[in-house]
């Protein structure tokens, strides 16, 4: 068949086209995905698919049916999803976790007050979150319109400007300090040449002298703060957030305080951090993480605390995101989990496939 046009072999042409369509359909048209969408697909499969499903449809992910309400919306429905801007989807994925029993939180139209949807603000870089948004857009036949490259360029430019201002402020302070030293040296030399110098009076004057704060020193502090802010913003765009080593917590509290914190932890578990969306208690709750009925027996307090504060520090590729939990909340959650001491079940929930 060498040199013979494909159109002269209709059966072969149809077969090739059918195979091509089958491969494209099986892989979700990955052959035509941009690099950004492909990156988002990979992250989505790891962090989102168990709740949202492979194609974004309800009751498709293995965790959907068992998790508490509100369950995930249908990400494949263009009519509903097209009403959200790219920025709104981004801020849904990257937000602070707030108490969803607080009426002020519920009334905030700009906040996604659903505890069963975790935040990835402290787990993924900004660039990675935009790639997830891009993939989510593809699930309902749309594409990302937000200028991610432009966002990165602005961050880079802002960092360069802040760095230049910091360098200039540093040089200005060094010059001002040099002039001040010259002036002080000249003043001391002039005093030494005076004939009538009273030592006691000079001593009193030295005691009354106030520390000189140069305007250039204040300007440098402001420039340094701006430089660090812009540096952090650029790093957060390109790199995943990281935490230092979590120190061993002091969980020594009185019985009264322990009881109070246990109740606070239960409230946080259900209403702010949505732990029950991925973990089960008494056969109710999600299947992504292990059931926690016997967490009080199986896990020690220090381990629980460190895991809650920084899951990726304990297991790099865990599906559990870092929820940005502060020390006080982590302490309350830890003490609550230590109260979970159910007897061994006859038929434990099998792990998900």
C-alpha atoms as a PDB file:
ATOM      1  CA  UNK A   1       0.000   0.000   0.000  1.00  0.00           C
ATOM      2  CA  UNK A   2       3.048   2.271  -0.137  1.00  0.00           C
ATOM      3  CA  UNK A   3       2.242   5.535  -1.853  1.00  0.00           C
ATOM      4  CA  UNK A   4      -1.502   4.821  -2.023  1.00  0.00           C
ATOM      5  CA  UNK A   5      -3.704   7.614  -0.540  1.00  0.00           C
ATOM      6  CA  UNK A   6      -5.681   6.654   2.555  1.00  0.00           C
ATOM      7  CA  UNK A   7      -8.907   7.810   0.938  1.00  0.00           C
ATOM      8  CA  UNK A   8      -8.635   4.929  -1.535  1.00  0.00           C
ATOM      9  CA  UNK A   9      -8.992   2.470   1.387  1.00  0.00           C
ATOM     10  CA  UNK A  10     -12.266   3.547   3.070  1.00  0.00           C
ATOM     11  CA  UNK A  11     -12.429   0.542   5.393  1.00  0.00           C
ATOM     12  CA  UNK A  12      -8.926   1.194   6.716  1.00  0.00           C
ATOM     13  CA  UNK A  13      -9.668   4.912   7.085  1.00  0.00           C
ATOM     14  CA  UNK A  14     -12.850   4.272   9.066  1.00  0.00           C
ATOM     15  CA  UNK A  15     -11.033   1.765  11.285  1.00  0.00           C
ATOM     16  CA  UNK A  16      -8.247   4.234  12.074  1.00  0.00           C
ATOM     17  CA  UNK A  17     -10.722   7.019  12.812  1.00  0.00           C
ATOM     18  CA  UNK A  18     -12.735   4.718  15.080  1.00  0.00           C
ATOM     19  CA  UNK A  19      -9.624   3.698  16.989  1.00  0.00           C
ATOM     20  CA  UNK A  20      -8.579   7.337  17.276  1.00  0.00           C
ATOM     21  CA  UNK A  21     -11.996   8.301  18.637  1.00  0.00           C
ATOM     22  CA  UNK A  22     -11.879   5.392  21.096  1.00  0.00           C
ATOM     23  CA  UNK A  23      -8.467   6.414  22.416  1.00  0.00           C
ATOM     24  CA  UNK A  24      -9.497  10.056  22.674  1.00  0.00           C
ATOM     25  CA  UNK A  25     -12.716   9.142  24.483  1.00  0.00           C
ATOM     26  CA  UNK A  26     -11.018   6.729  26.847  1.00  0.00           C
ATOM     27  CA  UNK A  27      -8.465   9.326  27.861  1.00  0.00           C
ATOM     28  CA  UNK A  28     -10.909  12.188  28.153  1.00  0.00           C
ATOM     29  CA  UNK A  29      -9.474  13.897  25.061  1.00  0.00           C
ATOM     30  CA  UNK A  30      -6.106  14.189  26.753  1.00  0.00           C
ATOM     31  CA  UNK A  31      -4.468  14.269  23.318  1.00  0.00           C
ATOM     32  CA  UNK A  32      -5.775  17.810  22.869  1.00  0.00           C
ATOM     33  CA  UNK A  33      -5.222  19.093  26.404  1.00  0.00           C
ATOM     34  CA  UNK A  34      -2.981  22.038  27.090  1.00  0.00           C
ATOM     35  CA  UNK A  35      -0.087  21.567  29.490  1.00  0.00           C
ATOM     36  CA  UNK A  36      -2.024  23.530  32.098  1.00  0.00           C
ATOM     37  CA  UNK A  37      -5.152  21.354  31.820  1.00  0.00           C
ATOM     38  CA  UNK A  38      -3.078  18.163  31.888  1.00  0.00           C
ATOM     39  CA  UNK A  39      -1.358  19.362  35.057  1.00  0.00           C
ATOM     40  CA  UNK A  40      -4.743  20.178  36.592  1.00  0.00           C
ATOM     41  CA  UNK A  41      -6.111  16.758  35.623  1.00  0.00           C
ATOM     42  CA  UNK A  42      -3.278  15.023  37.492  1.00  0.00           C
ATOM     43  CA  UNK A  43      -3.840  17.111  40.643  1.00  0.00           C
ATOM     44  CA  UNK A  44      -7.614  16.672  40.384  1.00  0.00           C
ATOM     45  CA  UNK A  45      -7.283  12.888  40.210  1.00  0.00           C
ATOM     46  CA  UNK A  46      -5.152  12.860  43.352  1.00  0.00           C
ATOM     47  CA  UNK A  47      -7.003  15.392  45.517  1.00  0.00           C
ATOM     48  CA  UNK A  48     -10.533  15.811  44.115  1.00  0.00           C
ATOM     49  CA  UNK A  49     -11.761  12.804  42.152  1.00  0.00           C
ATOM     50  CA  UNK A  50     -12.805  10.702  45.163  1.00  0.00           C
ATOM     51  CA  UNK A  51     -15.510  13.288  45.980  1.00  0.00           C
ATOM     52  CA  UNK A  52     -16.188  14.976  42.623  1.00  0.00           C
ATOM     53  CA  UNK A  53     -15.814  11.960  40.347  1.00  0.00           C
ATOM     54  CA  UNK A  54     -13.618  11.506  37.302  1.00  0.00           C
ATOM     55  CA  UNK A  55     -15.830  13.638  35.060  1.00  0.00           C
ATOM     56  CA  UNK A  56     -17.254  15.875  37.797  1.00  0.00           C
ATOM     57  CA  UNK A  57     -20.681  14.253  37.973  1.00  0.00           C
ATOM     58  CA  UNK A  58     -22.542  13.675  41.216  1.00  0.00           C
ATOM     59  CA  UNK A  59     -22.436  10.217  42.806  1.00  0.00           C
ATOM     60  CA  UNK A  60     -19.475   9.319  40.586  1.00  0.00           C
ATOM     61  CA  UNK A  61     -16.646   9.494  43.136  1.00  0.00           C
ATOM     62  CA  UNK A  62     -16.401   6.626  45.639  1.00  0.00           C
ATOM     63  CA  UNK A  63     -16.716   9.067  48.552  1.00  0.00           C
ATOM     64  CA  UNK A  64     -19.774  10.941  47.277  1.00  0.00           C
ATOM     65  CA  UNK A  65     -22.569   8.709  48.609  1.00  0.00           C
ATOM     66  CA  UNK A  66     -21.251   8.349  52.172  1.00  0.00           C
ATOM     67  CA  UNK A  67     -20.107  11.895  52.886  1.00  0.00           C
ATOM     68  CA  UNK A  68     -22.417  14.250  54.820  1.00  0.00           C
ATOM     69  CA  UNK A  69     -24.334  17.069  53.188  1.00  0.00           C
ATOM     70  CA  UNK A  70     -23.692  19.329  51.451  1.00  0.00           C
ATOM     71  CA  UNK A  71     -22.308  16.999  48.805  1.00  0.00           C
ATOM     72  CA  UNK A  72     -20.322  18.253  45.800  1.00  0.00           C
ATOM     73  CA  UNK A  73     -22.135  20.057  43.027  1.00  0.00           C
ATOM     74  CA  UNK A  74     -22.144  18.756  39.442  1.00  0.00           C
ATOM     75  CA  UNK A  75     -18.974  20.172  37.870  1.00  0.00           C
ATOM     76  CA  UNK A  76     -20.020  18.955  34.420  1.00  0.00           C
ATOM     77  CA  UNK A  77     -23.164  21.108  34.285  1.00  0.00           C
ATOM     78  CA  UNK A  78     -22.293  24.078  32.096  1.00  0.00           C
ATOM     79  CA  UNK A  79     -25.478  26.040  32.843  1.00  0.00           C
ATOM     80  CA  UNK A  80     -24.646  26.253  36.557  1.00  0.00           C
ATOM     81  CA  UNK A  81     -20.840  26.321  36.393  1.00  0.00           C
ATOM     82  CA  UNK A  82     -20.773  29.086  33.779  1.00  0.00           C
ATOM     83  CA  UNK A  83     -22.283  31.460  36.361  1.00  0.00           C
ATOM     84  CA  UNK A  84     -19.044  31.300  38.361  1.00  0.00           C
ATOM     85  CA  UNK A  85     -15.993  33.280  37.342  1.00  0.00           C
ATOM     86  CA  UNK A  86     -12.535  31.730  37.237  1.00  0.00           C
ATOM     87  CA  UNK A  87     -11.603  33.790  40.297  1.00  0.00           C
ATOM     88  CA  UNK A  88     -14.617  32.492  42.255  1.00  0.00           C
ATOM     89  CA  UNK A  89     -13.670  28.882  41.544  1.00  0.00           C
ATOM     90  CA  UNK A  90     -10.080  29.662  42.524  1.00  0.00           C
ATOM     91  CA  UNK A  91     -11.109  31.190  45.853  1.00  0.00           C
ATOM     92  CA  UNK A  92     -13.369  28.209  46.548  1.00  0.00           C
ATOM     93  CA  UNK A  93     -10.351  25.915  46.253  1.00  0.00           C
ATOM     94  CA  UNK A  94      -8.016  28.344  48.052  1.00  0.00           C
ATOM     95  CA  UNK A  95      -9.659  29.895  51.098  1.00  0.00           C
ATOM     96  CA  UNK A  96      -9.497  29.990  54.881  1.00  0.00           C
ATOM     97  CA  UNK A  97     -11.667  27.396  56.632  1.00  0.00           C
ATOM     98  CA  UNK A  98     -14.267  29.209  58.749  1.00  0.00           C
ATOM     99  CA  UNK A  99     -16.974  28.160  61.201  1.00  0.00           C
ATOM    100  CA  UNK A 100     -20.029  27.486  59.057  1.00  0.00           C
ATOM    101  CA  UNK A 101     -22.377  27.807  62.030  1.00  0.00           C
ATOM    102  CA  UNK A 102     -21.432  31.480  62.280  1.00  0.00           C
ATOM    103  CA  UNK A 103     -24.224  33.497  60.673  1.00  0.00           C
ATOM    104  CA  UNK A 104     -21.769  36.172  59.533  1.00  0.00           C
ATOM    105  CA  UNK A 105     -19.883  33.504  57.585  1.00  0.00           C
ATOM    106  CA  UNK A 106     -23.105  32.180  56.052  1.00  0.00           C
ATOM    107  CA  UNK A 107     -24.172  35.687  55.056  1.00  0.00           C
ATOM    108  CA  UNK A 108     -20.854  36.455  53.361  1.00  0.00           C
ATOM    109  CA  UNK A 109     -21.642  36.152  49.660  1.00  0.00           C
ATOM    110  CA  UNK A 110     -17.951  36.104  48.778  1.00  0.00           C
ATOM    111  CA  UNK A 111     -17.172  33.098  50.976  1.00  0.00           C
ATOM    112  CA  UNK A 112     -17.803  29.453  50.133  1.00  0.00           C
ATOM    113  CA  UNK A 113     -19.221  28.330  53.490  1.00  0.00           C
ATOM    114  CA  UNK A 114     -19.141  24.560  52.983  1.00  0.00           C
ATOM    115  CA  UNK A 115     -17.054  22.578  55.512  1.00  0.00           C
ATOM    116  CA  UNK A 116     -17.142  19.364  53.463  1.00  0.00           C
ATOM    117  CA  UNK A 117     -14.979  21.035  50.784  1.00  0.00           C
ATOM    118  CA  UNK A 118     -11.394  21.376  52.069  1.00  0.00           C
ATOM    119  CA  UNK A 119      -9.055  24.211  51.192  1.00  0.00           C
ATOM    120  CA  UNK A 120      -5.838  23.672  49.251  1.00  0.00           C
ATOM    121  CA  UNK A 121      -4.414  27.098  50.021  1.00  0.00           C
ATOM    122  CA  UNK A 122      -1.710  25.600  52.246  1.00  0.00           C
ATOM    123  CA  UNK A 123      -1.077  22.494  50.128  1.00  0.00           C
ATOM    124  CA  UNK A 124      -0.713  23.599  46.506  1.00  0.00           C
ATOM    125  CA  UNK A 125       1.002  26.528  44.839  1.00  0.00           C
ATOM    126  CA  UNK A 126      -1.101  29.256  43.262  1.00  0.00           C
ATOM    127  CA  UNK A 127      -0.034  28.085  39.822  1.00  0.00           C
ATOM    128  CA  UNK A 128      -1.186  24.524  40.646  1.00  0.00           C
ATOM    129  CA  UNK A 129      -4.555  25.769  41.865  1.00  0.00           C
ATOM    130  CA  UNK A 130      -5.053  27.707  38.625  1.00  0.00           C
ATOM    131  CA  UNK A 131      -4.299  24.501  36.714  1.00  0.00           C
ATOM    132  CA  UNK A 132      -7.022  22.714  38.725  1.00  0.00           C
ATOM    133  CA  UNK A 133      -9.433  25.538  37.851  1.00  0.00           C
ATOM    134  CA  UNK A 134      -8.441  25.113  34.208  1.00  0.00           C
ATOM    135  CA  UNK A 135      -9.221  21.392  34.329  1.00  0.00           C
ATOM    136  CA  UNK A 136     -12.527  21.974  36.147  1.00  0.00           C
ATOM    137  CA  UNK A 137     -13.480  24.361  33.330  1.00  0.00           C
ATOM    138  CA  UNK A 138     -12.850  21.572  30.823  1.00  0.00           C
ATOM    139  CA  UNK A 139     -15.329  19.318  32.643  1.00  0.00           C
ATOM    140  CA  UNK A 140     -18.220  21.534  31.582  1.00  0.00           C
ATOM    141  CA  UNK A 141     -16.910  22.423  28.132  1.00  0.00           C
ATOM    142  CA  UNK A 142     -15.332  25.769  28.983  1.00  0.00           C
ATOM    143  CA  UNK A 143     -11.759  27.008  29.168  1.00  0.00           C
ATOM    144  CA  UNK A 144      -9.869  29.193  31.610  1.00  0.00           C
ATOM    145  CA  UNK A 145      -9.926  32.872  30.648  1.00  0.00           C
ATOM    146  CA  UNK A 146      -7.902  34.187  33.590  1.00  0.00           C
ATOM    147  CA  UNK A 147      -4.450  35.409  32.534  1.00  0.00           C
ATOM    148  CA  UNK A 148      -2.219  33.186  34.674  1.00  0.00           C
ATOM    149  CA  UNK A 149       0.948  34.155  32.806  1.00  0.00           C
ATOM    150  CA  UNK A 150       0.070  37.821  33.287  1.00  0.00           C
ATOM    151  CA  UNK A 151      -0.448  37.216  37.003  1.00  0.00           C
ATOM    152  CA  UNK A 152       2.994  35.613  37.288  1.00  0.00           C
ATOM    153  CA  UNK A 153       4.593  38.444  35.325  1.00  0.00           C
ATOM    154  CA  UNK A 154       3.051  41.058  37.651  1.00  0.00           C
ATOM    155  CA  UNK A 155       4.340  39.189  40.698  1.00  0.00           C
ATOM    156  CA  UNK A 156       7.820  38.999  39.194  1.00  0.00           C
ATOM    157  CA  UNK A 157       7.788  42.697  38.333  1.00  0.00           C
ATOM    158  CA  UNK A 158       6.514  43.659  41.792  1.00  0.00           C
ATOM    159  CA  UNK A 159       9.272  41.568  43.382  1.00  0.00           C
ATOM    160  CA  UNK A 160      11.945  43.208  41.232  1.00  0.00           C
ATOM    161  CA  UNK A 161      10.671  46.695  42.144  1.00  0.00           C
ATOM    162  CA  UNK A 162      10.585  45.785  45.845  1.00  0.00           C
ATOM    163  CA  UNK A 163      14.115  44.394  45.626  1.00  0.00           C
ATOM    164  CA  UNK A 164      15.393  47.579  43.987  1.00  0.00           C
ATOM    165  CA  UNK A 165      13.673  49.735  46.614  1.00  0.00           C
ATOM    166  CA  UNK A 166      15.163  47.584  49.371  1.00  0.00           C
ATOM    167  CA  UNK A 167      18.668  47.882  47.894  1.00  0.00           C
ATOM    168  CA  UNK A 168      18.275  51.661  47.524  1.00  0.00           C
ATOM    169  CA  UNK A 169      16.980  52.020  51.089  1.00  0.00           C
ATOM    170  CA  UNK A 170      19.922  49.971  52.366  1.00  0.00           C
ATOM    171  CA  UNK A 171      22.402  52.197  50.549  1.00  0.00           C
ATOM    172  CA  UNK A 172      20.632  55.345  51.748  1.00  0.00           C
ATOM    173  CA  UNK A 173      20.818  54.186  55.376  1.00  0.00           C
ATOM    174  CA  UNK A 174      24.481  53.289  55.060  1.00  0.00           C
ATOM    175  CA  UNK A 175      25.207  56.766  53.665  1.00  0.00           C
ATOM    176  CA  UNK A 176      23.158  58.462  56.410  1.00  0.00           C
ATOM    177  CA  UNK A 177      24.916  56.443  59.131  1.00  0.00           C
ATOM    178  CA  UNK A 178      28.304  57.371  57.667  1.00  0.00           C
ATOM    179  CA  UNK A 179      27.390  61.080  57.736  1.00  0.00           C
ATOM    180  CA  UNK A 180      26.108  60.758  61.296  1.00  0.00           C
ATOM    181  CA  UNK A 181      29.344  59.117  62.404  1.00  0.00           C
ATOM    182  CA  UNK A 182      31.354  61.915  60.764  1.00  0.00           C
ATOM    183  CA  UNK A 183      29.238  64.558  62.493  1.00  0.00           C
ATOM    184  CA  UNK A 184      29.572  62.839  65.875  1.00  0.00           C
ATOM    185  CA  UNK A 185      33.321  62.522  65.445  1.00  0.00           C
ATOM    186  CA  UNK A 186      33.582  66.206  64.552  1.00  0.00           C
ATOM    187  CA  UNK A 187      31.468  67.168  67.578  1.00  0.00           C
ATOM    188  CA  UNK A 188      33.639  65.097  69.916  1.00  0.00           C
ATOM    189  CA  UNK A 189      36.784  66.671  68.498  1.00  0.00           C
ATOM    190  CA  UNK A 190      35.322  70.154  68.990  1.00  0.00           C
ATOM    191  CA  UNK A 191      34.418  69.382  72.600  1.00  0.00           C
ATOM    192  CA  UNK A 192      37.920  68.171  73.349  1.00  0.00           C
ATOM    193  CA  UNK A 193      39.380  71.485  72.199  1.00  0.00           C
ATOM    194  CA  UNK A 194      37.191  73.545  74.506  1.00  0.00           C
ATOM    195  CA  UNK A 195      39.048  74.858  77.568  1.00  0.00           C
ATOM    196  CA  UNK A 196      36.201  74.917  80.102  1.00  0.00           C
ATOM    197  CA  UNK A 197      34.746  71.432  80.126  1.00  0.00           C
ATOM    198  CA  UNK A 198      32.947  70.205  83.184  1.00  0.00           C
ATOM    199  CA  UNK A 199      33.062  66.423  83.380  1.00  0.00           C
ATOM    200  CA  UNK A 200      29.952  66.063  85.544  1.00  0.00           C
ATOM    201  CA  UNK A 201      27.844  68.156  83.218  1.00  0.00           C
ATOM    202  CA  UNK A 202      29.069  66.140  80.260  1.00  0.00           C
ATOM    203  CA  UNK A 203      28.170  62.945  82.084  1.00  0.00           C
ATOM    204  CA  UNK A 204      24.668  64.267  82.761  1.00  0.00           C
ATOM    205  CA  UNK A 205      24.310  65.263  79.130  1.00  0.00           C
ATOM    206  CA  UNK A 206      25.375  61.801  77.979  1.00  0.00           C
ATOM    207  CA  UNK A 207      22.771  60.215  80.235  1.00  0.00           C
ATOM    208  CA  UNK A 208      20.069  62.460  78.792  1.00  0.00           C
ATOM    209  CA  UNK A 209      20.991  61.717  75.190  1.00  0.00           C
ATOM    210  CA  UNK A 210      18.250  59.931  73.250  1.00  0.00           C
ATOM    211  CA  UNK A 211      18.877  57.299  70.635  1.00  0.00           C
ATOM    212  CA  UNK A 212      18.756  58.849  67.197  1.00  0.00           C
ATOM    213  CA  UNK A 213      16.356  57.158  64.767  1.00  0.00           C
ATOM    214  CA  UNK A 214      17.187  58.134  61.222  1.00  0.00           C
ATOM    215  CA  UNK A 215      14.383  58.567  58.664  1.00  0.00           C
ATOM    216  CA  UNK A 216      16.391  56.262  56.397  1.00  0.00           C
ATOM    217  CA  UNK A 217      16.161  53.531  59.041  1.00  0.00           C
ATOM    218  CA  UNK A 218      12.353  53.733  59.078  1.00  0.00           C
ATOM    219  CA  UNK A 219      12.313  53.728  55.282  1.00  0.00           C
ATOM    220  CA  UNK A 220      14.493  50.606  55.225  1.00  0.00           C
ATOM    221  CA  UNK A 221      12.156  48.751  57.598  1.00  0.00           C
ATOM    222  CA  UNK A 222       9.203  49.573  55.352  1.00  0.00           C
ATOM    223  CA  UNK A 223      11.133  48.549  52.217  1.00  0.00           C
ATOM    224  CA  UNK A 224      12.201  45.284  53.846  1.00  0.00           C
ATOM    225  CA  UNK A 225       8.622  44.456  54.836  1.00  0.00           C
ATOM    226  CA  UNK A 226       7.429  45.120  51.288  1.00  0.00           C
ATOM    227  CA  UNK A 227      10.298  43.048  49.876  1.00  0.00           C
ATOM    228  CA  UNK A 228       9.430  40.067  52.084  1.00  0.00           C
ATOM    229  CA  UNK A 229       5.722  40.333  51.163  1.00  0.00           C
ATOM    230  CA  UNK A 230       6.451  40.386  47.428  1.00  0.00           C
ATOM    231  CA  UNK A 231       8.984  37.585  47.780  1.00  0.00           C
ATOM    232  CA  UNK A 232       6.441  35.427  49.626  1.00  0.00           C
ATOM    233  CA  UNK A 233       3.745  36.159  47.025  1.00  0.00           C
ATOM    234  CA  UNK A 234       6.033  35.082  44.184  1.00  0.00           C
ATOM    235  CA  UNK A 235       7.187  31.972  46.037  1.00  0.00           C
ATOM    236  CA  UNK A 236       3.590  31.003  46.815  1.00  0.00           C
ATOM    237  CA  UNK A 237       2.792  31.238  43.125  1.00  0.00           C
ATOM    238  CA  UNK A 238       5.558  28.908  42.017  1.00  0.00           C
ATOM    239  CA  UNK A 239       6.206  26.719  45.077  1.00  0.00           C
ATOM    240  CA  UNK A 240       4.034  24.705  47.418  1.00  0.00           C
ATOM    241  CA  UNK A 241       3.721  26.141  50.928  1.00  0.00           C
ATOM    242  CA  UNK A 242       5.972  24.526  53.504  1.00  0.00           C
ATOM    243  CA  UNK A 243       6.068  24.578  57.270  1.00  0.00           C
ATOM    244  CA  UNK A 244       8.972  24.170  59.602  1.00  0.00           C
ATOM    245  CA  UNK A 245       9.218  21.326  62.033  1.00  0.00           C
ATOM    246  CA  UNK A 246       6.175  21.130  64.302  1.00  0.00           C
ATOM    247  CA  UNK A 247       7.292  21.260  67.915  1.00  0.00           C
ATOM    248  CA  UNK A 248       5.960  18.780  70.448  1.00  0.00           C
ATOM    249  CA  UNK A 249       2.713  20.213  71.880  1.00  0.00           C
ATOM    250  CA  UNK A 250       2.051  20.784  75.560  1.00  0.00           C
ATOM    251  CA  UNK A 251      -1.331  19.114  76.068  1.00  0.00           C
ATOM    252  CA  UNK A 252      -1.245  19.207  79.853  1.00  0.00           C
ATOM    253  CA  UNK A 253      -4.560  20.765  80.863  1.00  0.00           C
ATOM    254  CA  UNK A 254      -6.945  20.533  83.785  1.00  0.00           C
ATOM    255  CA  UNK A 255      -9.901  18.178  83.576  1.00  0.00           C
ATOM    256  CA  UNK A 256     -12.273  21.139  83.210  1.00  0.00           C
ATOM    257  CA  UNK A 257     -10.236  22.680  80.406  1.00  0.00           C
ATOM    258  CA  UNK A 258      -9.850  19.307  78.697  1.00  0.00           C
ATOM    259  CA  UNK A 259     -13.618  18.834  78.694  1.00  0.00           C
ATOM    260  CA  UNK A 260     -14.131  22.268  77.165  1.00  0.00           C
ATOM    261  CA  UNK A 261     -11.501  21.708  74.469  1.00  0.00           C
ATOM    262  CA  UNK A 262     -12.963  18.295  73.608  1.00  0.00           C
ATOM    263  CA  UNK A 263     -16.313  19.957  72.873  1.00  0.00           C
ATOM    264  CA  UNK A 264     -14.603  22.687  70.837  1.00  0.00           C
ATOM    265  CA  UNK A 265     -12.731  20.012  68.890  1.00  0.00           C
ATOM    266  CA  UNK A 266     -15.950  18.141  68.091  1.00  0.00           C
ATOM    267  CA  UNK A 267     -17.478  21.366  66.775  1.00  0.00           C
ATOM    268  CA  UNK A 268     -14.420  22.115  64.643  1.00  0.00           C
ATOM    269  CA  UNK A 269     -14.377  18.526  63.352  1.00  0.00           C
ATOM    270  CA  UNK A 270     -17.916  18.792  62.012  1.00  0.00           C
ATOM    271  CA  UNK A 271     -18.536  22.462  61.245  1.00  0.00           C
ATOM    272  CA  UNK A 272     -15.284  24.172  60.303  1.00  0.00           C
ATOM    273  CA  UNK A 273     -12.741  21.727  58.967  1.00  0.00           C
ATOM    274  CA  UNK A 274     -15.200  19.142  57.644  1.00  0.00           C
ATOM    275  CA  UNK A 275     -13.216  16.124  58.857  1.00  0.00           C
ATOM    276  CA  UNK A 276     -16.350  13.962  58.599  1.00  0.00           C
ATOM    277  CA  UNK A 277     -16.361  14.461  54.825  1.00  0.00           C
ATOM    278  CA  UNK A 278     -13.345  12.150  54.528  1.00  0.00           C
ATOM    279  CA  UNK A 279     -13.379  10.188  57.815  1.00  0.00           C
ATOM    280  CA  UNK A 280     -16.151   8.062  59.278  1.00  0.00           C
ATOM    281  CA  UNK A 281     -17.491   7.674  62.816  1.00  0.00           C
ATOM    282  CA  UNK A 282     -20.091   5.041  63.680  1.00  0.00           C
ATOM    283  CA  UNK A 283     -20.288   4.046  59.991  1.00  0.00           C
ATOM    284  CA  UNK A 284     -21.187   7.617  59.017  1.00  0.00           C
ATOM    285  CA  UNK A 285     -18.922   9.900  57.054  1.00  0.00           C
ATOM    286  CA  UNK A 286     -16.431   9.697  54.217  1.00  0.00           C
ATOM    287  CA  UNK A 287     -14.240   6.819  53.103  1.00  0.00           C
ATOM    288  CA  UNK A 288     -11.142   8.684  51.915  1.00  0.00           C
ATOM    289  CA  UNK A 289      -9.299   8.576  55.224  1.00  0.00           C
ATOM    290  CA  UNK A 290      -9.339   5.852  57.864  1.00  0.00           C
ATOM    291  CA  UNK A 291     -12.311   5.497  60.183  1.00  0.00           C
ATOM    292  CA  UNK A 292     -11.615   7.242  63.478  1.00  0.00           C
ATOM    293  CA  UNK A 293     -13.881   5.382  65.917  1.00  0.00           C
ATOM    294  CA  UNK A 294     -10.835   3.996  67.735  1.00  0.00           C
ATOM    295  CA  UNK A 295      -8.417   6.890  67.179  1.00  0.00           C
ATOM    296  CA  UNK A 296      -8.158   7.370  70.939  1.00  0.00           C
ATOM    297  CA  UNK A 297      -6.661   3.893  71.273  1.00  0.00           C
ATOM    298  CA  UNK A 298      -4.532   3.760  68.142  1.00  0.00           C
ATOM    299  CA  UNK A 299      -2.870   7.197  68.040  1.00  0.00           C
ATOM    300  CA  UNK A 300      -0.865   9.177  70.589  1.00  0.00           C
ATOM    301  CA  UNK A 301      -1.610  12.845  71.151  1.00  0.00           C
ATOM    302  CA  UNK A 302       1.669  14.269  69.854  1.00  0.00           C
ATOM    303  CA  UNK A 303       1.327  12.312  66.582  1.00  0.00           C
ATOM    304  CA  UNK A 304      -2.281  13.454  66.071  1.00  0.00           C
ATOM    305  CA  UNK A 305      -1.329  17.078  66.698  1.00  0.00           C
ATOM    306  CA  UNK A 306       1.577  17.019  64.243  1.00  0.00           C
ATOM    307  CA  UNK A 307      -0.515  15.301  61.587  1.00  0.00           C
ATOM    308  CA  UNK A 308      -3.302  17.861  61.914  1.00  0.00           C
ATOM    309  CA  UNK A 309      -0.869  20.781  61.760  1.00  0.00           C
ATOM    310  CA  UNK A 310       1.136  19.577  58.745  1.00  0.00           C
ATOM    311  CA  UNK A 311       0.047  16.304  57.059  1.00  0.00           C
ATOM    312  CA  UNK A 312       2.611  16.626  54.252  1.00  0.00           C
ATOM    313  CA  UNK A 313       5.378  16.806  56.838  1.00  0.00           C
ATOM    314  CA  UNK A 314       4.337  13.342  58.034  1.00  0.00           C
ATOM    315  CA  UNK A 315       3.488  11.782  54.653  1.00  0.00           C
ATOM    316  CA  UNK A 316       4.484  13.738  51.562  1.00  0.00           C
ATOM    317  CA  UNK A 317       1.908  12.368  49.104  1.00  0.00           C
ATOM    318  CA  UNK A 318      -1.053  12.115  51.437  1.00  0.00           C
ATOM    319  CA  UNK A 319      -4.436  13.081  50.001  1.00  0.00           C
ATOM    320  CA  UNK A 320      -5.250  15.019  53.165  1.00  0.00           C
ATOM    321  CA  UNK A 321      -4.607  18.710  52.514  1.00  0.00           C
ATOM    322  CA  UNK A 322      -3.051  21.089  54.999  1.00  0.00           C
ATOM    323  CA  UNK A 323      -6.096  23.047  56.206  1.00  0.00           C
ATOM    324  CA  UNK A 324      -4.163  25.912  57.780  1.00  0.00           C
ATOM    325  CA  UNK A 325      -5.217  24.882  61.284  1.00  0.00           C
ATOM    326  CA  UNK A 326      -3.808  27.047  64.062  1.00  0.00           C
ATOM    327  CA  UNK A 327      -2.231  25.650  67.229  1.00  0.00           C
ATOM    328  CA  UNK A 328      -5.264  26.212  69.456  1.00  0.00           C
ATOM    329  CA  UNK A 329      -7.649  24.463  67.046  1.00  0.00           C
ATOM    330  CA  UNK A 330      -5.170  21.624  66.508  1.00  0.00           C
ATOM    331  CA  UNK A 331      -5.007  21.165  70.265  1.00  0.00           C
ATOM    332  CA  UNK A 332      -8.803  20.995  70.553  1.00  0.00           C
ATOM    333  CA  UNK A 333      -9.091  18.544  67.649  1.00  0.00           C
ATOM    334  CA  UNK A 334      -6.377  16.361  69.137  1.00  0.00           C
ATOM    335  CA  UNK A 335      -8.120  16.132  72.509  1.00  0.00           C
ATOM    336  CA  UNK A 336     -11.447  15.384  70.811  1.00  0.00           C
ATOM    337  CA  UNK A 337      -9.953  12.564  68.735  1.00  0.00           C
ATOM    338  CA  UNK A 338      -8.481  11.058  71.889  1.00  0.00           C
ATOM    339  CA  UNK A 339     -12.050  10.630  73.210  1.00  0.00           C
ATOM    340  CA  UNK A 340     -12.914   8.273  70.327  1.00  0.00           C
ATOM    341  CA  UNK A 341     -12.575   4.842  71.934  1.00  0.00           C
ATOM    342  CA  UNK A 342     -15.251   2.638  70.392  1.00  0.00           C
ATOM    343  CA  UNK A 343     -15.100  -1.167  70.825  1.00  0.00           C
ATOM    344  CA  UNK A 344     -13.738  -3.221  67.960  1.00  0.00           C
ATOM    345  CA  UNK A 345     -16.413  -3.592  65.246  1.00  0.00           C
ATOM    346  CA  UNK A 346     -17.569  -7.004  64.080  1.00  0.00           C
ATOM    347  CA  UNK A 347     -17.590  -5.854  60.449  1.00  0.00           C
ATOM    348  CA  UNK A 348     -15.132  -2.965  59.934  1.00  0.00           C
ATOM    349  CA  UNK A 349     -15.584  -0.708  56.907  1.00  0.00           C
ATOM    350  CA  UNK A 350     -13.317  -2.022  54.127  1.00  0.00           C
ATOM    351  CA  UNK A 351     -10.816   0.441  52.653  1.00  0.00           C
ATOM    352  CA  UNK A 352     -11.859   2.014  49.310  1.00  0.00           C
ATOM    353  CA  UNK A 353     -10.565   0.538  46.072  1.00  0.00           C
END
